[in-house]
Structure formats: C-alpha cells, structure tokens
C-alpha cells in the first residue's frame, strides 16, 4: 500500500464515521459519544499526513505513534 492510497483510505474512513454518527438517535448520550467518535476518527488522517512529512524514520515513528 502506497502513502497516497492510505491518505485516501483515512479520508474515506472519516467520511464513513461522520455518516454513521448521523444515524444515531438524537439523545444527549448519543450526541456526546458521537462528538468524541467524530473527533477521534477525523484525527487519523491529519496525523498520518503529518507523519508522512517527517524528516527521518525516527520522526515518522514518533508522529505515527500519536
């Protein structure tokens, strides 16, 4: 798998998670959980992209560990 494919997959994952949370019931507990799930799912892509900009393998490892 090349880096570009993984970038596309992380974006598609975030979009699918957002659509999934829209299907949850409109209750207080569901809204709280949905917000956290969206924050977690949408951070995967930017963190991976930041790791791809690393200047060394050690920096990549540190950034991907986030």
PDB file of N, CA and C in Angstrom:
ATOM      1  N   UNK A   1       0.852  -1.176   0.000  1.00  0.00           N
ATOM      2  CA  UNK A   1       0.000   0.000   0.000  1.00  0.00           C
ATOM      3  C   UNK A   1       0.896   1.236   0.000  1.00  0.00           C
ATOM      4  N   UNK A   2       0.642   2.119  -0.928  1.00  0.00           N
ATOM      5  CA  UNK A   2       1.449   3.335  -1.000  1.00  0.00           C
ATOM      6  C   UNK A   2       0.835   4.435  -0.132  1.00  0.00           C
ATOM      7  N   UNK A   3       1.614   5.480   0.173  1.00  0.00           N
ATOM      8  CA  UNK A   3       1.121   6.553   1.056  1.00  0.00           C
ATOM      9  C   UNK A   3      -0.136   7.253   0.540  1.00  0.00           C
ATOM     10  N   UNK A   4      -0.237   7.410  -0.772  1.00  0.00           N
ATOM     11  CA  UNK A   4      -1.419   8.089  -1.328  1.00  0.00           C
ATOM     12  C   UNK A   4      -2.684   7.271  -1.111  1.00  0.00           C
ATOM     13  N   UNK A   5      -2.585   5.967  -1.256  1.00  0.00           N
ATOM     14  CA  UNK A   5      -3.750   5.114  -1.025  1.00  0.00           C
ATOM     15  C   UNK A   5      -4.189   5.188   0.435  1.00  0.00           C
ATOM     16  N   UNK A   6      -3.229   5.185   1.343  1.00  0.00           N
ATOM     17  CA  UNK A   6      -3.577   5.269   2.761  1.00  0.00           C
ATOM     18  C   UNK A   6      -4.195   6.626   3.099  1.00  0.00           C
ATOM     19  N   UNK A   7      -3.739   7.680   2.454  1.00  0.00           N
ATOM     20  CA  UNK A   7      -4.346   9.003   2.648  1.00  0.00           C
ATOM     21  C   UNK A   7      -5.809   8.985   2.204  1.00  0.00           C
ATOM     22  N   UNK A   8      -6.069   8.362   1.039  1.00  0.00           N
ATOM     23  CA  UNK A   8      -7.455   8.271   0.554  1.00  0.00           C
ATOM     24  C   UNK A   8      -8.312   7.437   1.512  1.00  0.00           C
ATOM     25  N   UNK A   9      -7.738   6.349   2.010  1.00  0.00           N
ATOM     26  CA  UNK A   9      -8.496   5.474   2.902  1.00  0.00           C
ATOM     27  C   UNK A   9      -8.804   6.141   4.240  1.00  0.00           C
ATOM     28  N   UNK A  10      -7.865   6.932   4.768  1.00  0.00           N
ATOM     29  CA  UNK A  10      -8.132   7.607   6.040  1.00  0.00           C
ATOM     30  C   UNK A  10      -9.226   8.663   5.870  1.00  0.00           C
ATOM     31  N   UNK A  11      -9.237   9.336   4.719  1.00  0.00           N
ATOM     32  CA  UNK A  11     -10.295  10.319   4.454  1.00  0.00           C
ATOM     33  C   UNK A  11     -11.646   9.627   4.311  1.00  0.00           C
ATOM     34  N   UNK A  12     -11.672   8.527   3.577  1.00  0.00           N
ATOM     35  CA  UNK A  12     -12.925   7.778   3.404  1.00  0.00           C
ATOM     36  C   UNK A  12     -13.430   7.245   4.740  1.00  0.00           C
ATOM     37  N   UNK A  13     -12.511   6.824   5.607  1.00  0.00           N
ATOM     38  CA  UNK A  13     -12.887   6.354   6.936  1.00  0.00           C
ATOM     39  C   UNK A  13     -13.575   7.464   7.725  1.00  0.00           C
ATOM     40  N   UNK A  14     -13.001   8.656   7.708  1.00  0.00           N
ATOM     41  CA  UNK A  14     -13.591   9.777   8.433  1.00  0.00           C
ATOM     42  C   UNK A  14     -14.985  10.103   7.907  1.00  0.00           C
ATOM     43  N   UNK A  15     -15.147  10.079   6.598  1.00  0.00           N
ATOM     44  CA  UNK A  15     -16.457  10.375   5.996  1.00  0.00           C
ATOM     45  C   UNK A  15     -17.484   9.322   6.412  1.00  0.00           C
ATOM     46  N   UNK A  16     -17.080   8.047   6.408  1.00  0.00           N
ATOM     47  CA  UNK A  16     -17.999   6.971   6.809  1.00  0.00           C
ATOM     48  C   UNK A  16     -18.401   7.098   8.275  1.00  0.00           C
ATOM     49  N   UNK A  17     -17.463   7.488   9.125  1.00  0.00           N
ATOM     50  CA  UNK A  17     -17.776   7.633  10.553  1.00  0.00           C
ATOM     51  C   UNK A  17     -18.751   8.793  10.769  1.00  0.00           C
ATOM     52  N   UNK A  18     -18.554   9.883  10.059  1.00  0.00           N
ATOM     53  CA  UNK A  18     -19.481  11.022  10.187  1.00  0.00           C
ATOM     54  C   UNK A  18     -20.882  10.602   9.758  1.00  0.00           C
ATOM     55  N   UNK A  19     -20.982   9.874   8.662  1.00  0.00           N
ATOM     56  CA  UNK A  19     -22.297   9.403   8.207  1.00  0.00           C
ATOM     57  C   UNK A  19     -22.915   8.441   9.216  1.00  0.00           C
ATOM     58  N   UNK A  20     -22.085   7.599   9.826  1.00  0.00           N
ATOM     59  CA  UNK A  20     -22.583   6.653  10.826  1.00  0.00           C
ATOM     60  C   UNK A  20     -23.132   7.391  12.046  1.00  0.00           C
ATOM     61  N   UNK A  21     -22.447   8.441  12.480  1.00  0.00           N
ATOM     62  CA  UNK A  21     -22.925   9.166  13.664  1.00  0.00           C
ATOM     63  C   UNK A  21     -24.220   9.921  13.380  1.00  0.00           C
ATOM     64  N   UNK A  22     -24.442  10.289  12.126  1.00  0.00           N
ATOM     65  CA  UNK A  22     -25.705  10.945  11.778  1.00  0.00           C
ATOM     66  C   UNK A  22     -26.887   9.999  11.935  1.00  0.00           C
ATOM     67  N   UNK A  23     -26.626   8.697  11.880  1.00  0.00           N
ATOM     68  CA  UNK A  23     -27.696   7.708  12.018  1.00  0.00           C
ATOM     69  C   UNK A  23     -28.034   7.405  13.469  1.00  0.00           C
ATOM     70  N   UNK A  24     -27.238   7.917  14.405  1.00  0.00           N
ATOM     71  CA  UNK A  24     -27.517   7.673  15.822  1.00  0.00           C
ATOM     72  C   UNK A  24     -28.748   8.447  16.265  1.00  0.00           C
ATOM     73  N   UNK A  25     -29.426   7.969  17.311  1.00  0.00           N
ATOM     74  CA  UNK A  25     -30.597   8.701  17.802  1.00  0.00           C
ATOM     75  C   UNK A  25     -30.196  10.060  18.375  1.00  0.00           C
ATOM     76  N   UNK A  26     -31.142  10.977  18.366  1.00  0.00           N
ATOM     77  CA  UNK A  26     -30.871  12.335  18.863  1.00  0.00           C
ATOM     78  C   UNK A  26     -31.123  12.405  20.359  1.00  0.00           C
ATOM     79  N   UNK A  27     -30.279  11.754  21.103  1.00  0.00           N
ATOM     80  CA  UNK A  27     -30.354  11.793  22.562  1.00  0.00           C
ATOM     81  C   UNK A  27     -29.051  12.360  23.082  1.00  0.00           C
ATOM     82  N   UNK A  28     -29.091  12.867  24.288  1.00  0.00           N
ATOM     83  CA  UNK A  28     -27.918  13.522  24.876  1.00  0.00           C
ATOM     84  C   UNK A  28     -26.703  12.603  24.906  1.00  0.00           C
ATOM     85  N   UNK A  29     -26.860  11.382  25.380  1.00  0.00           N
ATOM     86  CA  UNK A  29     -25.735  10.450  25.478  1.00  0.00           C
ATOM     87  C   UNK A  29     -25.179  10.125  24.097  1.00  0.00           C
ATOM     88  N   UNK A  30     -26.061   9.910  23.139  1.00  0.00           N
ATOM     89  CA  UNK A  30     -25.616   9.599  21.778  1.00  0.00           C
ATOM     90  C   UNK A  30     -24.872  10.783  21.168  1.00  0.00           C
ATOM     91  N   UNK A  31     -25.319  11.995  21.439  1.00  0.00           N
ATOM     92  CA  UNK A  31     -24.648  13.181  20.912  1.00  0.00           C
ATOM     93  C   UNK A  31     -23.239  13.317  21.485  1.00  0.00           C
ATOM     94  N   UNK A  32     -23.092  13.056  22.772  1.00  0.00           N
ATOM     95  CA  UNK A  32     -21.780  13.148  23.412  1.00  0.00           C
ATOM     96  C   UNK A  32     -20.830  12.109  22.824  1.00  0.00           C
ATOM     97  N   UNK A  33     -21.302  10.896  22.700  1.00  0.00           N
ATOM     98  CA  UNK A  33     -20.472   9.828  22.141  1.00  0.00           C
ATOM     99  C   UNK A  33     -20.152  10.116  20.682  1.00  0.00           C
ATOM    100  N   UNK A  34     -21.126  10.589  19.935  1.00  0.00           N
ATOM    101  CA  UNK A  34     -20.918  10.883  18.510  1.00  0.00           C
ATOM    102  C   UNK A  34     -19.838  11.946  18.330  1.00  0.00           C
ATOM    103  N   UNK A  35     -19.865  12.993  19.159  1.00  0.00           N
ATOM    104  CA  UNK A  35     -18.843  14.037  19.050  1.00  0.00           C
ATOM    105  C   UNK A  35     -17.440  13.466  19.267  1.00  0.00           C
ATOM    106  N   UNK A  36     -17.301  12.621  20.289  1.00  0.00           N
ATOM    107  CA  UNK A  36     -15.988  12.037  20.574  1.00  0.00           C
ATOM    108  C   UNK A  36     -15.533  11.103  19.452  1.00  0.00           C
ATOM    109  N   UNK A  37     -16.459  10.306  18.936  1.00  0.00           N
ATOM    110  CA  UNK A  37     -16.110   9.388  17.850  1.00  0.00           C
ATOM    111  C   UNK A  37     -15.688  10.173  16.611  1.00  0.00           C
ATOM    112  N   UNK A  38     -16.383  11.253  16.308  1.00  0.00           N
ATOM    113  CA  UNK A  38     -16.032  12.078  15.148  1.00  0.00           C
ATOM    114  C   UNK A  38     -14.648  12.696  15.339  1.00  0.00           C
ATOM    115  N   UNK A  39     -14.367  13.229  16.531  1.00  0.00           N
ATOM    116  CA  UNK A  39     -13.046  13.816  16.778  1.00  0.00           C
ATOM    117  C   UNK A  39     -11.942  12.775  16.611  1.00  0.00           C
ATOM    118  N   UNK A  40     -12.182  11.578  17.129  1.00  0.00           N
ATOM    119  CA  UNK A  40     -11.171  10.517  17.028  1.00  0.00           C
ATOM    120  C   UNK A  40     -10.967  10.071  15.584  1.00  0.00           C
ATOM    121  N   UNK A  41     -12.056   9.854  14.880  1.00  0.00           N
ATOM    122  CA  UNK A  41     -11.967   9.333  13.515  1.00  0.00           C
ATOM    123  C   UNK A  41     -11.379  10.354  12.544  1.00  0.00           C
ATOM    124  N   UNK A  42     -11.697  11.619  12.733  1.00  0.00           N
ATOM    125  CA  UNK A  42     -11.206  12.629  11.803  1.00  0.00           C
ATOM    126  C   UNK A  42      -9.776  13.050  12.112  1.00  0.00           C
ATOM    127  N   UNK A  43      -9.215  12.630  13.229  1.00  0.00           N
ATOM    128  CA  UNK A  43      -7.821  12.977  13.528  1.00  0.00           C
ATOM    129  C   UNK A  43      -6.839  11.987  12.924  1.00  0.00           C
ATOM    130  N   UNK A  44      -7.313  10.832  12.502  1.00  0.00           N
ATOM    131  CA  UNK A  44      -6.428   9.804  11.949  1.00  0.00           C
ATOM    132  C   UNK A  44      -5.736  10.318  10.685  1.00  0.00           C
ATOM    133  N   UNK A  45      -6.486  10.874   9.778  1.00  0.00           N
ATOM    134  CA  UNK A  45      -5.929  11.361   8.510  1.00  0.00           C
ATOM    135  C   UNK A  45      -4.880  12.450   8.687  1.00  0.00           C
ATOM    136  N   UNK A  46      -5.192  13.519   9.404  1.00  0.00           N
ATOM    137  CA  UNK A  46      -4.184  14.569   9.602  1.00  0.00           C
ATOM    138  C   UNK A  46      -2.929  14.078  10.330  1.00  0.00           C
ATOM    139  N   UNK A  47      -3.104  13.176  11.280  1.00  0.00           N
ATOM    140  CA  UNK A  47      -1.928  12.641  11.970  1.00  0.00           C
ATOM    141  C   UNK A  47      -1.063  11.824  11.017  1.00  0.00           C
ATOM    142  N   UNK A  48      -1.683  11.046  10.141  1.00  0.00           N
ATOM    143  CA  UNK A  48      -0.916  10.279   9.165  1.00  0.00           C
ATOM    144  C   UNK A  48      -0.210  11.211   8.183  1.00  0.00           C
ATOM    145  N   UNK A  49      -0.902  12.243   7.727  1.00  0.00           N
ATOM    146  CA  UNK A  49      -0.286  13.188   6.791  1.00  0.00           C
ATOM    147  C   UNK A  49       0.895  13.906   7.443  1.00  0.00           C
ATOM    148  N   UNK A  50       0.775  14.241   8.717  1.00  0.00           N
ATOM    149  CA  UNK A  50       1.891  14.866   9.433  1.00  0.00           C
ATOM    150  C   UNK A  50       3.062  13.907   9.540  1.00  0.00           C
ATOM    151  N   UNK A  51       2.778  12.638   9.767  1.00  0.00           N
ATOM    152  CA  UNK A  51       3.848  11.647   9.851  1.00  0.00           C
ATOM    153  C   UNK A  51       4.544  11.490   8.504  1.00  0.00           C
ATOM    154  N   UNK A  52       3.799  11.595   7.420  1.00  0.00           N
ATOM    155  CA  UNK A  52       4.402  11.468   6.088  1.00  0.00           C
ATOM    156  C   UNK A  52       5.379  12.607   5.800  1.00  0.00           C
ATOM    157  N   UNK A  53       5.216  13.740   6.463  1.00  0.00           N
ATOM    158  CA  UNK A  53       6.120  14.869   6.264  1.00  0.00           C
ATOM    159  C   UNK A  53       7.357  14.794   7.153  1.00  0.00           C
ATOM    160  N   UNK A  54       7.521  13.708   7.878  1.00  0.00           N
ATOM    161  CA  UNK A  54       8.657  13.559   8.791  1.00  0.00           C
ATOM    162  C   UNK A  54       9.970  13.596   8.017  1.00  0.00           C
ATOM    163  N   UNK A  55      11.000  14.126   8.657  1.00  0.00           N
ATOM    164  CA  UNK A  55      12.316  14.232   8.019  1.00  0.00           C
ATOM    165  C   UNK A  55      13.170  13.000   8.210  1.00  0.00           C
ATOM    166  N   UNK A  56      12.797  12.127   9.150  1.00  0.00           N
ATOM    167  CA  UNK A  56      13.580  10.907   9.383  1.00  0.00           C
ATOM    168  C   UNK A  56      12.639   9.782   9.793  1.00  0.00           C
ATOM    169  N   UNK A  57      13.179   8.579   9.808  1.00  0.00           N
ATOM    170  CA  UNK A  57      12.377   7.430  10.221  1.00  0.00           C
ATOM    171  C   UNK A  57      11.990   7.550  11.696  1.00  0.00           C
ATOM    172  N   UNK A  58      12.887   8.042  12.519  1.00  0.00           N
ATOM    173  CA  UNK A  58      12.578   8.219  13.944  1.00  0.00           C
ATOM    174  C   UNK A  58      11.457   9.236  14.146  1.00  0.00           C
ATOM    175  N   UNK A  59      11.488  10.323  13.383  1.00  0.00           N
ATOM    176  CA  UNK A  59      10.428  11.328  13.477  1.00  0.00           C
ATOM    177  C   UNK A  59       9.103  10.749  12.981  1.00  0.00           C
ATOM    178  N   UNK A  60       9.153   9.964  11.896  1.00  0.00           N
ATOM    179  CA  UNK A  60       7.942   9.302  11.400  1.00  0.00           C
ATOM    180  C   UNK A  60       7.352   8.413  12.471  1.00  0.00           C
ATOM    181  N   UNK A  61       8.180   7.611  13.120  1.00  0.00           N
ATOM    182  CA  UNK A  61       7.723   6.716  14.167  1.00  0.00           C
ATOM    183  C   UNK A  61       7.088   7.488  15.319  1.00  0.00           C
ATOM    184  N   UNK A  62       7.703   8.577  15.703  1.00  0.00           N
ATOM    185  CA  UNK A  62       7.162   9.384  16.801  1.00  0.00           C
ATOM    186  C   UNK A  62       5.810   9.987  16.426  1.00  0.00           C
ATOM    187  N   UNK A  63       5.704  10.501  15.205  1.00  0.00           N
ATOM    188  CA  UNK A  63       4.450  11.132  14.785  1.00  0.00           C
ATOM    189  C   UNK A  63       3.334  10.125  14.553  1.00  0.00           C
ATOM    190  N   UNK A  64       3.678   8.964  14.025  1.00  0.00           N
ATOM    191  CA  UNK A  64       2.637   7.968  13.747  1.00  0.00           C
ATOM    192  C   UNK A  64       2.130   7.379  15.063  1.00  0.00           C
ATOM    193  N   UNK A  65       2.929   7.464  16.101  1.00  0.00           N
ATOM    194  CA  UNK A  65       2.525   6.962  17.416  1.00  0.00           C
ATOM    195  C   UNK A  65       1.465   7.814  18.084  1.00  0.00           C
ATOM    196  N   UNK A  66       1.237   9.013  17.560  1.00  0.00           N
ATOM    197  CA  UNK A  66       0.211   9.894  18.125  1.00  0.00           C
ATOM    198  C   UNK A  66      -1.129   9.284  17.833  1.00  0.00           C
TER     199      UNK A  66
END
